[in-house]
Amino acid sequence: MADLDQWHPTYVYLAFWLQDKIKREGLEGIGYMEHAQRWAERNADDETADSISSELRRL
């Protein structure tokens, strides 16, 4: 566990303030899952074909 005395009091205050704000208000999603799903839908056929080709080359 970190010793809080080694940090400037402003940083300690802000860290606890941010923790409390997130606890009270939650954290808005960043949207990575939506981006990943769109990428997967656009690239699923190519990724599958590449994977099958790779396995067949091993034979």
PDB file of N, CA and C in Angstrom:
ATOM      1  N   MET A   1       0.844  -1.177   0.000  1.00  0.00           N
ATOM      2  CA  MET A   1       0.000   0.000   0.000  1.00  0.00           C
ATOM      3  C   MET A   1       0.890   1.242   0.000  1.00  0.00           C
ATOM      4  N   ALA A   2       0.506   2.242  -0.762  1.00  0.00           N
ATOM      5  CA  ALA A   2       1.305   3.460  -0.893  1.00  0.00           C
ATOM      6  C   ALA A   2       1.170   4.335   0.350  1.00  0.00           C
ATOM      7  N   ASP A   3       2.254   4.989   0.696  1.00  0.00           N
ATOM      8  CA  ASP A   3       2.257   5.943   1.798  1.00  0.00           C
ATOM      9  C   ASP A   3       1.797   7.290   1.241  1.00  0.00           C
ATOM     10  N   LEU A   4       0.625   7.754   1.686  1.00  0.00           N
ATOM     11  CA  LEU A   4       0.066   8.986   1.135  1.00  0.00           C
ATOM     12  C   LEU A   4       0.898  10.216   1.459  1.00  0.00           C
ATOM     13  N   ASP A   5       1.739  10.136   2.484  1.00  0.00           N
ATOM     14  CA  ASP A   5       2.569  11.282   2.851  1.00  0.00           C
ATOM     15  C   ASP A   5       3.622  11.612   1.796  1.00  0.00           C
ATOM     16  N   GLN A   6       3.908  10.665   0.921  1.00  0.00           N
ATOM     17  CA  GLN A   6       4.924  10.919  -0.105  1.00  0.00           C
ATOM     18  C   GLN A   6       4.368  11.755  -1.256  1.00  0.00           C
ATOM     19  N   TRP A   7       3.052  11.926  -1.333  1.00  0.00           N
ATOM     20  CA  TRP A   7       2.425  12.665  -2.418  1.00  0.00           C
ATOM     21  C   TRP A   7       2.046  14.068  -1.969  1.00  0.00           C
ATOM     22  N   HIS A   8       2.051  14.983  -2.888  1.00  0.00           N
ATOM     23  CA  HIS A   8       1.634  16.360  -2.612  1.00  0.00           C
ATOM     24  C   HIS A   8       0.158  16.339  -2.184  1.00  0.00           C
ATOM     25  N   PRO A   9      -0.209  17.109  -1.176  1.00  0.00           N
ATOM     26  CA  PRO A   9      -1.597  17.099  -0.689  1.00  0.00           C
ATOM     27  C   PRO A   9      -2.643  17.383  -1.766  1.00  0.00           C
ATOM     28  N   THR A  10      -2.297  18.173  -2.752  1.00  0.00           N
ATOM     29  CA  THR A  10      -3.246  18.452  -3.838  1.00  0.00           C
ATOM     30  C   THR A  10      -3.582  17.188  -4.607  1.00  0.00           C
ATOM     31  N   TYR A  11      -2.562  16.364  -4.890  1.00  0.00           N
ATOM     32  CA  TYR A  11      -2.802  15.116  -5.615  1.00  0.00           C
ATOM     33  C   TYR A  11      -3.651  14.151  -4.795  1.00  0.00           C
ATOM     34  N   VAL A  12      -3.384  14.094  -3.518  1.00  0.00           N
ATOM     35  CA  VAL A  12      -4.168  13.204  -2.647  1.00  0.00           C
ATOM     36  C   VAL A  12      -5.621  13.665  -2.633  1.00  0.00           C
ATOM     37  N   TYR A  13      -5.832  14.969  -2.476  1.00  0.00           N
ATOM     38  CA  TYR A  13      -7.190  15.512  -2.461  1.00  0.00           C
ATOM     39  C   TYR A  13      -7.911  15.181  -3.769  1.00  0.00           C
ATOM     40  N   LEU A  14      -7.247  15.437  -4.902  1.00  0.00           N
ATOM     41  CA  LEU A  14      -7.875  15.203  -6.201  1.00  0.00           C
ATOM     42  C   LEU A  14      -8.176  13.724  -6.435  1.00  0.00           C
ATOM     43  N   ALA A  15      -7.296  12.858  -5.984  1.00  0.00           N
ATOM     44  CA  ALA A  15      -7.534  11.421  -6.151  1.00  0.00           C
ATOM     45  C   ALA A  15      -8.781  10.981  -5.393  1.00  0.00           C
ATOM     46  N   PHE A  16      -8.921  11.436  -4.157  1.00  0.00           N
ATOM     47  CA  PHE A  16     -10.100  11.066  -3.378  1.00  0.00           C
ATOM     48  C   PHE A  16     -11.356  11.764  -3.902  1.00  0.00           C
ATOM     49  N   TRP A  17     -11.209  12.992  -4.391  1.00  0.00           N
ATOM     50  CA  TRP A  17     -12.344  13.693  -4.983  1.00  0.00           C
ATOM     51  C   TRP A  17     -12.854  12.928  -6.199  1.00  0.00           C
ATOM     52  N   LEU A  18     -11.931  12.510  -7.073  1.00  0.00           N
ATOM     53  CA  LEU A  18     -12.315  11.772  -8.268  1.00  0.00           C
ATOM     54  C   LEU A  18     -12.959  10.442  -7.911  1.00  0.00           C
ATOM     55  N   GLN A  19     -12.401   9.753  -6.944  1.00  0.00           N
ATOM     56  CA  GLN A  19     -12.978   8.481  -6.497  1.00  0.00           C
ATOM     57  C   GLN A  19     -14.412   8.682  -6.027  1.00  0.00           C
ATOM     58  N   ASP A  20     -14.652   9.726  -5.249  1.00  0.00           N
ATOM     59  CA  ASP A  20     -15.997   9.997  -4.745  1.00  0.00           C
ATOM     60  C   ASP A  20     -16.944  10.375  -5.879  1.00  0.00           C
ATOM     61  N   LYS A  21     -16.473  11.194  -6.816  1.00  0.00           N
ATOM     62  CA  LYS A  21     -17.306  11.601  -7.950  1.00  0.00           C
ATOM     63  C   LYS A  21     -17.735  10.389  -8.773  1.00  0.00           C
ATOM     64  N   ILE A  22     -16.803   9.489  -9.055  1.00  0.00           N
ATOM     65  CA  ILE A  22     -17.130   8.278  -9.815  1.00  0.00           C
ATOM     66  C   ILE A  22     -18.107   7.411  -9.033  1.00  0.00           C
ATOM     67  N   LYS A  23     -17.911   7.312  -7.727  1.00  0.00           N
ATOM     68  CA  LYS A  23     -18.814   6.512  -6.892  1.00  0.00           C
ATOM     69  C   LYS A  23     -20.229   7.079  -6.940  1.00  0.00           C
ATOM     70  N   ARG A  24     -20.346   8.411  -6.856  1.00  0.00           N
ATOM     71  CA  ARG A  24     -21.665   9.044  -6.824  1.00  0.00           C
ATOM     72  C   ARG A  24     -22.332   9.081  -8.194  1.00  0.00           C
ATOM     73  N   GLU A  25     -21.585   9.401  -9.245  1.00  0.00           N
ATOM     74  CA  GLU A  25     -22.167   9.655 -10.561  1.00  0.00           C
ATOM     75  C   GLU A  25     -21.945   8.538 -11.567  1.00  0.00           C
ATOM     76  N   GLY A  26     -21.088   7.608 -11.238  1.00  0.00           N
ATOM     77  CA  GLY A  26     -20.764   6.558 -12.190  1.00  0.00           C
ATOM     78  C   GLY A  26     -19.770   7.061 -13.222  1.00  0.00           C
ATOM     79  N   LEU A  27     -19.481   6.222 -14.155  1.00  0.00           N
ATOM     80  CA  LEU A  27     -18.505   6.546 -15.192  1.00  0.00           C
ATOM     81  C   LEU A  27     -19.130   6.228 -16.535  1.00  0.00           C
ATOM     82  N   GLU A  28     -19.183   7.225 -17.404  1.00  0.00           N
ATOM     83  CA  GLU A  28     -19.769   7.024 -18.720  1.00  0.00           C
ATOM     84  C   GLU A  28     -18.925   6.054 -19.525  1.00  0.00           C
ATOM     85  N   GLY A  29     -19.583   5.167 -20.224  1.00  0.00           N
ATOM     86  CA  GLY A  29     -18.869   4.200 -21.050  1.00  0.00           C
ATOM     87  C   GLY A  29     -18.077   4.886 -22.144  1.00  0.00           C
ATOM     88  N   ILE A  30     -17.026   4.270 -22.564  1.00  0.00           N
ATOM     89  CA  ILE A  30     -16.140   4.873 -23.548  1.00  0.00           C
ATOM     90  C   ILE A  30     -16.545   4.484 -24.968  1.00  0.00           C
ATOM     91  N   GLY A  31     -17.222   3.376 -25.130  1.00  0.00           N
ATOM     92  CA  GLY A  31     -17.690   2.985 -26.447  1.00  0.00           C
ATOM     93  C   GLY A  31     -16.798   2.006 -27.173  1.00  0.00           C
ATOM     94  N   TYR A  32     -15.837   1.415 -26.464  1.00  0.00           N
ATOM     95  CA  TYR A  32     -14.953   0.465 -27.129  1.00  0.00           C
ATOM     96  C   TYR A  32     -15.695  -0.773 -27.621  1.00  0.00           C
ATOM     97  N   MET A  33     -16.678  -1.225 -26.869  1.00  0.00           N
ATOM     98  CA  MET A  33     -17.378  -2.444 -27.265  1.00  0.00           C
ATOM     99  C   MET A  33     -18.164  -2.227 -28.553  1.00  0.00           C
ATOM    100  N   GLU A  34     -18.785  -1.072 -28.688  1.00  0.00           N
ATOM    101  CA  GLU A  34     -19.525  -0.775 -29.911  1.00  0.00           C
ATOM    102  C   GLU A  34     -18.574  -0.723 -31.107  1.00  0.00           C
ATOM    103  N   HIS A  35     -17.428  -0.101 -30.910  1.00  0.00           N
ATOM    104  CA  HIS A  35     -16.413  -0.030 -31.971  1.00  0.00           C
ATOM    105  C   HIS A  35     -15.930  -1.441 -32.326  1.00  0.00           C
ATOM    106  N   ALA A  36     -15.671  -2.251 -31.320  1.00  0.00           N
ATOM    107  CA  ALA A  36     -15.186  -3.620 -31.554  1.00  0.00           C
ATOM    108  C   ALA A  36     -16.232  -4.449 -32.294  1.00  0.00           C
ATOM    109  N   GLN A  37     -17.494  -4.271 -31.941  1.00  0.00           N
ATOM    110  CA  GLN A  37     -18.541  -5.032 -32.611  1.00  0.00           C
ATOM    111  C   GLN A  37     -18.645  -4.637 -34.086  1.00  0.00           C
ATOM    112  N   ARG A  38     -18.592  -3.347 -34.367  1.00  0.00           N
ATOM    113  CA  ARG A  38     -18.642  -2.903 -35.770  1.00  0.00           C
ATOM    114  C   ARG A  38     -17.456  -3.446 -36.555  1.00  0.00           C
ATOM    115  N   TRP A  39     -16.245  -3.413 -35.929  1.00  0.00           N
ATOM    116  CA  TRP A  39     -15.051  -3.941 -36.596  1.00  0.00           C
ATOM    117  C   TRP A  39     -15.229  -5.435 -36.887  1.00  0.00           C
ATOM    118  N   ALA A  40     -15.721  -6.170 -35.901  1.00  0.00           N
ATOM    119  CA  ALA A  40     -15.895  -7.617 -36.077  1.00  0.00           C
ATOM    120  C   ALA A  40     -16.901  -7.924 -37.181  1.00  0.00           C
ATOM    121  N   GLU A  41     -17.979  -7.155 -37.230  1.00  0.00           N
ATOM    122  CA  GLU A  41     -18.979  -7.387 -38.270  1.00  0.00           C
ATOM    123  C   GLU A  41     -18.414  -7.077 -39.658  1.00  0.00           C
ATOM    124  N   ARG A  42     -17.583  -6.052 -39.776  1.00  0.00           N
ATOM    125  CA  ARG A  42     -16.988  -5.699 -41.066  1.00  0.00           C
ATOM    126  C   ARG A  42     -15.904  -6.692 -41.491  1.00  0.00           C
ATOM    127  N   ASN A  43     -15.200  -7.276 -40.530  1.00  0.00           N
ATOM    128  CA  ASN A  43     -14.024  -8.080 -40.846  1.00  0.00           C
ATOM    129  C   ASN A  43     -14.162  -9.575 -40.572  1.00  0.00           C
ATOM    130  N   ALA A  44     -15.323 -10.009 -40.121  1.00  0.00           N
ATOM    131  CA  ALA A  44     -15.486 -11.414 -39.724  1.00  0.00           C
ATOM    132  C   ALA A  44     -15.174 -12.372 -40.871  1.00  0.00           C
ATOM    133  N   ASP A  45     -15.655 -12.073 -42.078  1.00  0.00           N
ATOM    134  CA  ASP A  45     -15.429 -12.994 -43.190  1.00  0.00           C
ATOM    135  C   ASP A  45     -13.946 -13.099 -43.541  1.00  0.00           C
ATOM    136  N   ASP A  46     -13.243 -11.986 -43.570  1.00  0.00           N
ATOM    137  CA  ASP A  46     -11.806 -12.024 -43.879  1.00  0.00           C
ATOM    138  C   ASP A  46     -11.012 -12.723 -42.789  1.00  0.00           C
ATOM    139  N   GLU A  47     -11.337 -12.453 -41.541  1.00  0.00           N
ATOM    140  CA  GLU A  47     -10.633 -13.089 -40.424  1.00  0.00           C
ATOM    141  C   GLU A  47     -10.853 -14.591 -40.434  1.00  0.00           C
ATOM    142  N   THR A  48     -12.083 -15.011 -40.703  1.00  0.00           N
ATOM    143  CA  THR A  48     -12.391 -16.447 -40.755  1.00  0.00           C
ATOM    144  C   THR A  48     -11.652 -17.113 -41.906  1.00  0.00           C
ATOM    145  N   ALA A  49     -11.674 -16.474 -43.069  1.00  0.00           N
ATOM    146  CA  ALA A  49     -10.976 -17.038 -44.230  1.00  0.00           C
ATOM    147  C   ALA A  49      -9.476 -17.143 -43.969  1.00  0.00           C
ATOM    148  N   ASP A  50      -8.903 -16.108 -43.370  1.00  0.00           N
ATOM    149  CA  ASP A  50      -7.466 -16.144 -43.055  1.00  0.00           C
ATOM    150  C   ASP A  50      -7.141 -17.259 -42.076  1.00  0.00           C
ATOM    151  N   SER A  51      -7.993 -17.449 -41.101  1.00  0.00           N
ATOM    152  CA  SER A  51      -7.764 -18.497 -40.105  1.00  0.00           C
ATOM    153  C   SER A  51      -7.852 -19.884 -40.744  1.00  0.00           C
ATOM    154  N   ILE A  52      -8.837 -20.088 -41.593  1.00  0.00           N
ATOM    155  CA  ILE A  52      -8.990 -21.382 -42.269  1.00  0.00           C
ATOM    156  C   ILE A  52      -7.810 -21.632 -43.193  1.00  0.00           C
ATOM    157  N   SER A  53      -7.420 -20.621 -43.951  1.00  0.00           N
ATOM    158  CA  SER A  53      -6.262 -20.769 -44.849  1.00  0.00           C
ATOM    159  C   SER A  53      -4.998 -21.109 -44.077  1.00  0.00           C
ATOM    160  N   SER A  54      -4.802 -20.462 -42.961  1.00  0.00           N
ATOM    161  CA  SER A  54      -3.623 -20.719 -42.141  1.00  0.00           C
ATOM    162  C   SER A  54      -3.607 -22.163 -41.661  1.00  0.00           C
ATOM    163  N   GLU A  55      -4.734 -22.643 -41.202  1.00  0.00           N
ATOM    164  CA  GLU A  55      -4.807 -24.034 -40.728  1.00  0.00           C
ATOM    165  C   GLU A  55      -4.590 -25.014 -41.875  1.00  0.00           C
ATOM    166  N   LEU A  56      -5.128 -24.722 -43.045  1.00  0.00           N
ATOM    167  CA  LEU A  56      -4.956 -25.622 -44.192  1.00  0.00           C
ATOM    168  C   LEU A  56      -3.507 -25.671 -44.652  1.00  0.00           C
ATOM    169  N   ARG A  57      -2.788 -24.544 -44.560  1.00  0.00           N
ATOM    170  CA  ARG A  57      -1.378 -24.543 -44.940  1.00  0.00           C
ATOM    171  C   ARG A  57      -0.549 -25.421 -44.018  1.00  0.00           C
ATOM    172  N   ARG A  58      -0.991 -25.633 -42.815  1.00  0.00           N
ATOM    173  CA  ARG A  58      -0.260 -26.493 -41.875  1.00  0.00           C
ATOM    174  C   ARG A  58      -0.335 -27.962 -42.231  1.00  0.00           C
ATOM    175  N   LEU A  59      -1.353 -28.310 -43.022  1.00  0.00           N
ATOM    176  CA  LEU A  59      -1.535 -29.734 -43.384  1.00  0.00           C
ATOM    177  C   LEU A  59      -0.507 -30.226 -44.368  1.00  0.00           C
TER     178      LEU A  59
END
